[in-house]
Amino acid sequence: MITGKSGRARPKTDSAGVVVAAFLALLAAILVWDASKITSNTIYGMGPEVTPVVIAIGLGILAVANLFDALRGNLPARESADPVAVWLILGGLALMIAIIGFGGGFIPATSALFVATSAAFGRRALLVDLAIAIVLTTLVYLAFDKLLTLSLPAGPLERLL
C-alpha cells in the first residue's frame, strides 16, 4: 500500500494487470477489425461477422474489468508457474502442429496434445490417457465430420472412418 496526501493508504497499481487489460483490449480491437473485413451474403438476420464481434465485446468487458481491478490493486497474487508443465503443454502443441502438418490427421494430433496436457497437470497414467484421448477425439471428429459436415484434417486413421 502507498500512502497518499490525505494519509490514507491507497493500493498499489498492478502493472502486469494493466498489461493484460491492454492485451485484451487490443485483441478485441483486432477481432472487430477482422470481422469488418468479412463479406456477408445474408439478406436478413445475422451473418458470419456477428460472432467475432460478440466475442470482442466480451473481451472488451474483461479488459475494462481487469484494468479497473489492476488500478485499484484488487487482482489476486499470482502463483508461480511450473516450467515443466508449461514446456509439456508447449511440446504437446508443437507435436500437434507437426502431426497435422505431416498429414497424420486430427485424431492422433489432438490425442498427443491431450496426453501432454494431462501429463502437465500431473497425471501419470499415459496409456489410460491415450485410450481416453483416442475415444474422445474420435467422437469429436465424427461429430464435426459426419454430423456437422465440417472438414477436419484427415490422416490415415480418419480415412478408415
C-alpha atoms as a PDB file:
ATOM      1  CA  MET A   1       0.000   0.000   0.000  1.00  0.00           C
ATOM      2  CA  ILE A   2       1.117   3.533  -0.754  1.00  0.00           C
ATOM      3  CA  THR A   3       0.097   6.450   1.447  1.00  0.00           C
ATOM      4  CA  GLY A   4      -1.410   9.406  -0.406  1.00  0.00           C
ATOM      5  CA  LYS A   5      -1.568  13.118   0.555  1.00  0.00           C
ATOM      6  CA  SER A   6      -4.561  12.531   2.783  1.00  0.00           C
ATOM      7  CA  GLY A   7      -2.640   9.993   4.845  1.00  0.00           C
ATOM      8  CA  ARG A   8      -4.960   7.195   3.733  1.00  0.00           C
ATOM      9  CA  ALA A   9      -3.396   4.116   2.224  1.00  0.00           C
ATOM     10  CA  ARG A  10      -4.121   3.599  -1.431  1.00  0.00           C
ATOM     11  CA  PRO A  11      -3.495   0.300  -3.182  1.00  0.00           C
ATOM     12  CA  LYS A  12      -0.518  -0.178  -5.476  1.00  0.00           C
ATOM     13  CA  THR A  13      -1.320  -0.419  -9.182  1.00  0.00           C
ATOM     14  CA  ASP A  14      -0.715  -3.891 -10.598  1.00  0.00           C
ATOM     15  CA  SER A  15       1.325  -3.200 -13.745  1.00  0.00           C
ATOM     16  CA  ALA A  16       1.012  -6.772 -15.028  1.00  0.00           C
ATOM     17  CA  GLY A  17      -2.769  -6.466 -14.734  1.00  0.00           C
ATOM     18  CA  VAL A  18      -2.678  -3.250 -16.763  1.00  0.00           C
ATOM     19  CA  VAL A  19      -0.647  -5.032 -19.468  1.00  0.00           C
ATOM     20  CA  VAL A  20      -3.150  -7.907 -19.531  1.00  0.00           C
ATOM     21  CA  ALA A  21      -6.023  -5.425 -19.812  1.00  0.00           C
ATOM     22  CA  ALA A  22      -4.267  -3.677 -22.715  1.00  0.00           C
ATOM     23  CA  PHE A  23      -3.658  -7.024 -24.438  1.00  0.00           C
ATOM     24  CA  LEU A  24      -7.334  -7.986 -24.053  1.00  0.00           C
ATOM     25  CA  ALA A  25      -8.422  -4.611 -25.461  1.00  0.00           C
ATOM     26  CA  LEU A  26      -6.011  -4.979 -28.391  1.00  0.00           C
ATOM     27  CA  LEU A  27      -7.300  -8.479 -29.098  1.00  0.00           C
ATOM     28  CA  ALA A  28     -10.885  -7.182 -29.017  1.00  0.00           C
ATOM     29  CA  ALA A  29      -9.989  -4.398 -31.461  1.00  0.00           C
ATOM     30  CA  ILE A  30      -8.297  -6.866 -33.813  1.00  0.00           C
ATOM     31  CA  LEU A  31     -11.380  -9.106 -33.747  1.00  0.00           C
ATOM     32  CA  VAL A  32     -13.696  -6.197 -34.578  1.00  0.00           C
ATOM     33  CA  TRP A  33     -11.382  -5.048 -37.392  1.00  0.00           C
ATOM     34  CA  ASP A  34     -11.108  -8.584 -38.763  1.00  0.00           C
ATOM     35  CA  ALA A  35     -14.887  -9.085 -38.553  1.00  0.00           C
ATOM     36  CA  SER A  36     -15.422  -5.883 -40.530  1.00  0.00           C
ATOM     37  CA  LYS A  37     -13.469  -7.450 -43.405  1.00  0.00           C
ATOM     38  CA  ILE A  38     -15.798 -10.461 -43.655  1.00  0.00           C
ATOM     39  CA  THR A  39     -18.092 -10.228 -46.650  1.00  0.00           C
ATOM     40  CA  SER A  40     -21.577 -11.397 -45.889  1.00  0.00           C
ATOM     41  CA  ASN A  41     -24.169 -12.522 -48.401  1.00  0.00           C
ATOM     42  CA  THR A  42     -27.015 -12.671 -45.915  1.00  0.00           C
ATOM     43  CA  ILE A  43     -30.009 -10.584 -46.835  1.00  0.00           C
ATOM     44  CA  TYR A  44     -31.614 -10.725 -43.420  1.00  0.00           C
ATOM     45  CA  GLY A  45     -30.587 -11.885 -39.981  1.00  0.00           C
ATOM     46  CA  MET A  46     -27.084 -12.258 -38.686  1.00  0.00           C
ATOM     47  CA  GLY A  47     -24.085 -13.052 -40.823  1.00  0.00           C
ATOM     48  CA  PRO A  48     -20.741 -14.647 -40.014  1.00  0.00           C
ATOM     49  CA  GLU A  49     -19.303 -11.348 -38.792  1.00  0.00           C
ATOM     50  CA  VAL A  50     -21.507 -11.304 -35.684  1.00  0.00           C
ATOM     51  CA  THR A  51     -19.715 -13.998 -33.675  1.00  0.00           C
ATOM     52  CA  PRO A  52     -16.289 -12.285 -33.649  1.00  0.00           C
ATOM     53  CA  VAL A  53     -17.946  -9.031 -32.612  1.00  0.00           C
ATOM     54  CA  VAL A  54     -19.785 -10.734 -29.740  1.00  0.00           C
ATOM     55  CA  ILE A  55     -16.500 -12.295 -28.598  1.00  0.00           C
ATOM     56  CA  ALA A  56     -14.794  -8.898 -28.926  1.00  0.00           C
ATOM     57  CA  ILE A  57     -17.473  -7.314 -26.737  1.00  0.00           C
ATOM     58  CA  GLY A  58     -16.826  -9.963 -24.089  1.00  0.00           C
ATOM     59  CA  LEU A  59     -13.067  -9.360 -24.326  1.00  0.00           C
ATOM     60  CA  GLY A  60     -13.670  -5.610 -24.045  1.00  0.00           C
ATOM     61  CA  ILE A  61     -15.704  -6.095 -20.880  1.00  0.00           C
ATOM     62  CA  LEU A  62     -12.944  -8.301 -19.456  1.00  0.00           C
ATOM     63  CA  ALA A  63     -10.340  -5.667 -20.393  1.00  0.00           C
ATOM     64  CA  VAL A  64     -12.224  -2.884 -18.624  1.00  0.00           C
ATOM     65  CA  ALA A  65     -12.870  -5.014 -15.523  1.00  0.00           C
ATOM     66  CA  ASN A  66      -9.232  -6.156 -15.422  1.00  0.00           C
ATOM     67  CA  LEU A  67      -7.985  -2.578 -15.822  1.00  0.00           C
ATOM     68  CA  PHE A  68     -10.288  -1.406 -13.031  1.00  0.00           C
ATOM     69  CA  ASP A  69      -9.053  -4.126 -10.677  1.00  0.00           C
ATOM     70  CA  ALA A  70      -5.406  -3.584 -11.684  1.00  0.00           C
ATOM     71  CA  LEU A  71      -5.595   0.152 -10.989  1.00  0.00           C
ATOM     72  CA  ARG A  72      -7.208  -0.480  -7.609  1.00  0.00           C
ATOM     73  CA  GLY A  73      -4.738  -3.254  -6.753  1.00  0.00           C
ATOM     74  CA  ASN A  74      -7.526  -5.819  -6.348  1.00  0.00           C
ATOM     75  CA  LEU A  75      -6.055  -8.572  -8.500  1.00  0.00           C
ATOM     76  CA  PRO A  76      -5.133 -11.754  -6.636  1.00  0.00           C
ATOM     77  CA  ALA A  77      -1.498 -12.659  -6.122  1.00  0.00           C
ATOM     78  CA  ARG A  78      -0.154 -14.738  -8.963  1.00  0.00           C
ATOM     79  CA  GLU A  79       1.084 -18.234  -8.383  1.00  0.00           C
ATOM     80  CA  SER A  80       4.444 -19.260  -9.716  1.00  0.00           C
ATOM     81  CA  ALA A  81       4.324 -21.234 -12.948  1.00  0.00           C
ATOM     82  CA  ASP A  82       5.750 -24.721 -13.156  1.00  0.00           C
ATOM     83  CA  PRO A  83       8.158 -24.557 -16.105  1.00  0.00           C
ATOM     84  CA  VAL A  84       7.967 -28.323 -16.693  1.00  0.00           C
ATOM     85  CA  ALA A  85       4.182 -28.153 -17.104  1.00  0.00           C
ATOM     86  CA  VAL A  86       4.454 -25.157 -19.431  1.00  0.00           C
ATOM     87  CA  TRP A  87       7.038 -26.949 -21.590  1.00  0.00           C
ATOM     88  CA  LEU A  88       4.922 -30.120 -21.677  1.00  0.00           C
ATOM     89  CA  ILE A  89       1.914 -28.193 -22.961  1.00  0.00           C
ATOM     90  CA  LEU A  90       4.017 -26.245 -25.488  1.00  0.00           C
ATOM     91  CA  GLY A  91       5.608 -29.516 -26.599  1.00  0.00           C
ATOM     92  CA  GLY A  92       2.142 -31.043 -26.993  1.00  0.00           C
ATOM     93  CA  LEU A  93       1.052 -28.079 -29.139  1.00  0.00           C
ATOM     94  CA  ALA A  94       4.203 -28.361 -31.277  1.00  0.00           C
ATOM     95  CA  LEU A  95       3.629 -32.104 -31.659  1.00  0.00           C
ATOM     96  CA  MET A  96       0.009 -31.495 -32.650  1.00  0.00           C
ATOM     97  CA  ILE A  97       1.076 -28.981 -35.293  1.00  0.00           C
ATOM     98  CA  ALA A  98       3.759 -31.356 -36.591  1.00  0.00           C
ATOM     99  CA  ILE A  99       1.396 -34.336 -36.796  1.00  0.00           C
ATOM    100  CA  ILE A 100      -1.213 -32.313 -38.687  1.00  0.00           C
ATOM    101  CA  GLY A 101       1.464 -30.694 -40.869  1.00  0.00           C
ATOM    102  CA  PHE A 102       2.871 -34.069 -41.893  1.00  0.00           C
ATOM    103  CA  GLY A 103      -0.590 -35.451 -42.689  1.00  0.00           C
ATOM    104  CA  GLY A 104      -1.120 -37.509 -39.553  1.00  0.00           C
ATOM    105  CA  GLY A 105      -4.667 -36.277 -39.082  1.00  0.00           C
ATOM    106  CA  PHE A 106      -6.845 -34.788 -36.367  1.00  0.00           C
ATOM    107  CA  ILE A 107      -7.293 -37.810 -34.088  1.00  0.00           C
ATOM    108  CA  PRO A 108      -3.597 -38.613 -33.470  1.00  0.00           C
ATOM    109  CA  ALA A 109      -2.642 -34.919 -33.274  1.00  0.00           C
ATOM    110  CA  THR A 110      -5.305 -33.994 -30.754  1.00  0.00           C
ATOM    111  CA  SER A 111      -4.665 -37.182 -28.787  1.00  0.00           C
ATOM    112  CA  ALA A 112      -0.994 -36.204 -28.465  1.00  0.00           C
ATOM    113  CA  LEU A 113      -1.999 -32.775 -27.129  1.00  0.00           C
ATOM    114  CA  PHE A 114      -4.460 -34.390 -24.684  1.00  0.00           C
ATOM    115  CA  VAL A 115      -1.821 -36.757 -23.285  1.00  0.00           C
ATOM    116  CA  ALA A 116       0.803 -33.984 -22.998  1.00  0.00           C
ATOM    117  CA  THR A 117      -1.670 -31.702 -21.222  1.00  0.00           C
ATOM    118  CA  SER A 118      -2.784 -34.401 -18.793  1.00  0.00           C
ATOM    119  CA  ALA A 119       0.883 -35.124 -18.002  1.00  0.00           C
ATOM    120  CA  ALA A 120       1.435 -31.394 -17.454  1.00  0.00           C
ATOM    121  CA  PHE A 121      -1.354 -31.430 -14.885  1.00  0.00           C
ATOM    122  CA  GLY A 122       0.402 -34.237 -13.017  1.00  0.00           C
ATOM    123  CA  ARG A 123      -1.393 -37.315 -14.311  1.00  0.00           C
ATOM    124  CA  ARG A 124       0.986 -40.207 -14.982  1.00  0.00           C
ATOM    125  CA  ALA A 125      -1.335 -42.854 -16.470  1.00  0.00           C
ATOM    126  CA  LEU A 126      -0.145 -42.299 -20.034  1.00  0.00           C
ATOM    127  CA  LEU A 127      -1.684 -45.413 -21.605  1.00  0.00           C
ATOM    128  CA  VAL A 128      -5.061 -44.785 -19.969  1.00  0.00           C
ATOM    129  CA  ASP A 129      -4.904 -41.131 -21.037  1.00  0.00           C
ATOM    130  CA  LEU A 130      -4.023 -42.181 -24.577  1.00  0.00           C
ATOM    131  CA  ALA A 131      -7.043 -44.519 -24.694  1.00  0.00           C
ATOM    132  CA  ILE A 132      -9.323 -41.783 -23.339  1.00  0.00           C
ATOM    133  CA  ALA A 133      -7.871 -39.305 -25.830  1.00  0.00           C
ATOM    134  CA  ILE A 134      -8.390 -41.587 -28.820  1.00  0.00           C
ATOM    135  CA  VAL A 135     -12.015 -42.260 -27.855  1.00  0.00           C
ATOM    136  CA  LEU A 136     -12.811 -38.585 -27.199  1.00  0.00           C
ATOM    137  CA  THR A 137     -11.056 -37.233 -30.279  1.00  0.00           C
ATOM    138  CA  THR A 138     -12.688 -39.888 -32.463  1.00  0.00           C
ATOM    139  CA  LEU A 139     -16.101 -38.823 -31.148  1.00  0.00           C
ATOM    140  CA  VAL A 140     -15.246 -35.158 -31.779  1.00  0.00           C
ATOM    141  CA  TYR A 141     -14.004 -35.982 -35.273  1.00  0.00           C
ATOM    142  CA  LEU A 142     -17.158 -37.941 -36.097  1.00  0.00           C
ATOM    143  CA  ALA A 143     -19.394 -35.181 -34.716  1.00  0.00           C
ATOM    144  CA  PHE A 144     -17.685 -32.498 -36.779  1.00  0.00           C
ATOM    145  CA  ASP A 145     -17.113 -34.537 -39.927  1.00  0.00           C
ATOM    146  CA  LYS A 146     -20.298 -36.607 -40.143  1.00  0.00           C
ATOM    147  CA  LEU A 147     -22.924 -34.612 -38.231  1.00  0.00           C
ATOM    148  CA  LEU A 148     -21.847 -31.032 -38.937  1.00  0.00           C
ATOM    149  CA  THR A 149     -20.121 -31.845 -42.257  1.00  0.00           C
ATOM    150  CA  LEU A 150     -17.130 -29.683 -41.349  1.00  0.00           C
ATOM    151  CA  SER A 151     -13.733 -30.872 -42.507  1.00  0.00           C
ATOM    152  CA  LEU A 152     -11.032 -31.532 -40.001  1.00  0.00           C
ATOM    153  CA  PRO A 153      -7.516 -32.580 -41.014  1.00  0.00           C
ATOM    154  CA  ALA A 154      -7.777 -36.186 -42.190  1.00  0.00           C
ATOM    155  CA  GLY A 155      -4.964 -38.681 -41.929  1.00  0.00           C
ATOM    156  CA  PRO A 156      -4.816 -42.447 -42.384  1.00  0.00           C
ATOM    157  CA  LEU A 157      -6.910 -43.133 -39.270  1.00  0.00           C
ATOM    158  CA  GLU A 158      -9.665 -40.695 -40.259  1.00  0.00           C
ATOM    159  CA  ARG A 159      -9.888 -42.198 -43.741  1.00  0.00           C
ATOM    160  CA  LEU A 160     -10.891 -45.513 -42.147  1.00  0.00           C
ATOM    161  CA  LEU A 161     -13.951 -43.853 -40.643  1.00  0.00           C
END
